[in-house]
C-alpha cells in the first residue's frame, strides 16, 4: 500500500482510537490493513451479537406467552 495521505493518516488514527476504545486495540499492529481487519472483526462480532439478541428475545417471548397461557387456564 502506498504511503497514506495526511487526511488518510488522520482518519486511520481516529478509527484506530475508536477501535481501541471498543476493545479491538489488540488487533492493531500499526498497519492500515490491521485497521481494516479490526473493523471487519467488529462487524462480525456485531452480527453475532445481533443474532444472539434475537435468540434471547425469542426465549423471553416464549416465556411470556407460556405465562399468559397459564393465567388464562387458571381463570
Protein backbone atom coordinates (compact mmCIF):
# COMPACT_ATOMS: atom_id res chain seq x y z
CA UNK A 1 0.00 0.00 0.00
CA UNK A 2 1.37 3.43 -0.87
CA UNK A 3 2.07 5.94 1.86
CA UNK A 4 -1.04 7.39 3.47
CA UNK A 5 -2.02 10.96 2.76
CA UNK A 6 -2.23 13.22 5.78
CA UNK A 7 -6.04 13.03 5.65
CA UNK A 8 -5.92 9.22 5.47
CA UNK A 9 -3.45 9.05 8.33
CA UNK A 10 -5.70 11.23 10.47
CA UNK A 11 -8.72 9.07 9.67
CA UNK A 12 -6.83 5.83 10.35
CA UNK A 13 -5.68 7.27 13.68
CA UNK A 14 -9.24 8.29 14.58
CA UNK A 15 -10.66 4.89 13.63
CA UNK A 16 -7.82 3.11 15.48
CA UNK A 17 -8.59 5.09 18.62
CA UNK A 18 -12.29 4.22 18.36
CA UNK A 19 -11.45 0.55 17.82
CA UNK A 20 -9.18 0.60 20.85
CA UNK A 21 -11.98 2.11 22.96
CA UNK A 22 -14.27 -0.70 21.78
CA UNK A 23 -11.78 -3.38 22.80
CA UNK A 24 -10.18 -4.11 19.44
CA UNK A 25 -6.86 -2.43 20.14
CA UNK A 26 -5.06 -5.76 20.47
CA UNK A 27 -5.70 -6.33 16.75
CA UNK A 28 -3.93 -3.13 15.76
CA UNK A 29 -0.25 -3.54 14.89
CA UNK A 30 0.34 -0.19 13.21
CA UNK A 31 -0.53 -1.12 9.64
CA UNK A 32 -3.54 0.11 7.65
CA UNK A 33 -4.58 -3.47 6.90
CA UNK A 34 -4.86 -4.07 10.65
CA UNK A 35 -7.41 -1.27 10.93
CA UNK A 36 -9.47 -2.81 8.15
CA UNK A 37 -9.19 -6.26 9.74
CA UNK A 38 -10.25 -4.91 13.14
CA UNK A 39 -13.29 -3.21 11.60
CA UNK A 40 -14.17 -6.47 9.86
CA UNK A 41 -13.89 -8.32 13.18
CA UNK A 42 -16.08 -5.70 14.84
CA UNK A 43 -18.73 -6.16 12.12
CA UNK A 44 -18.61 -9.94 12.58
CA UNK A 45 -18.95 -9.61 16.34
CA UNK A 46 -21.87 -7.21 15.92
CA UNK A 47 -23.67 -9.60 13.59
CA UNK A 48 -23.17 -12.47 16.01
CA UNK A 49 -24.36 -10.34 18.92
CA UNK A 50 -27.45 -9.26 16.99
CA UNK A 51 -28.28 -12.89 16.22
CA UNK A 52 -27.81 -13.81 19.87
CA UNK A 53 -30.06 -10.92 20.93
CA UNK A 54 -32.79 -12.24 18.63
CA UNK A 55 -32.46 -15.69 20.24
CA UNK A 56 -32.71 -14.20 23.72
CA UNK A 57 -35.72 -12.09 22.75
CA UNK A 58 -37.38 -15.23 21.40
CA UNK A 59 -36.79 -17.01 24.73
CA UNK A 60 -38.36 -14.11 26.61
CA UNK A 61 -41.34 -14.02 24.27
CA UNK A 62 -41.89 -17.76 24.70
CA UNK A 63 -41.73 -17.45 28.49
CA UNK A 64 -44.17 -14.53 28.44
CA UNK A 65 -46.55 -16.45 26.16
CA UNK A 66 -46.44 -19.50 28.43
CA UNK A 67 -47.11 -17.33 31.47
CA UNK A 68 -50.07 -15.70 29.73
CA UNK A 69 -51.45 -19.12 28.79
CA UNK A 70 -51.18 -20.30 32.40
CA UNK A 71 -53.02 -17.21 33.59
CA UNK A 72 -55.84 -17.90 31.12
CA UNK A 73 -56.01 -21.56 32.17
CA UNK A 74 -56.23 -20.58 35.83
CA UNK A 75 -59.23 -18.30 35.23
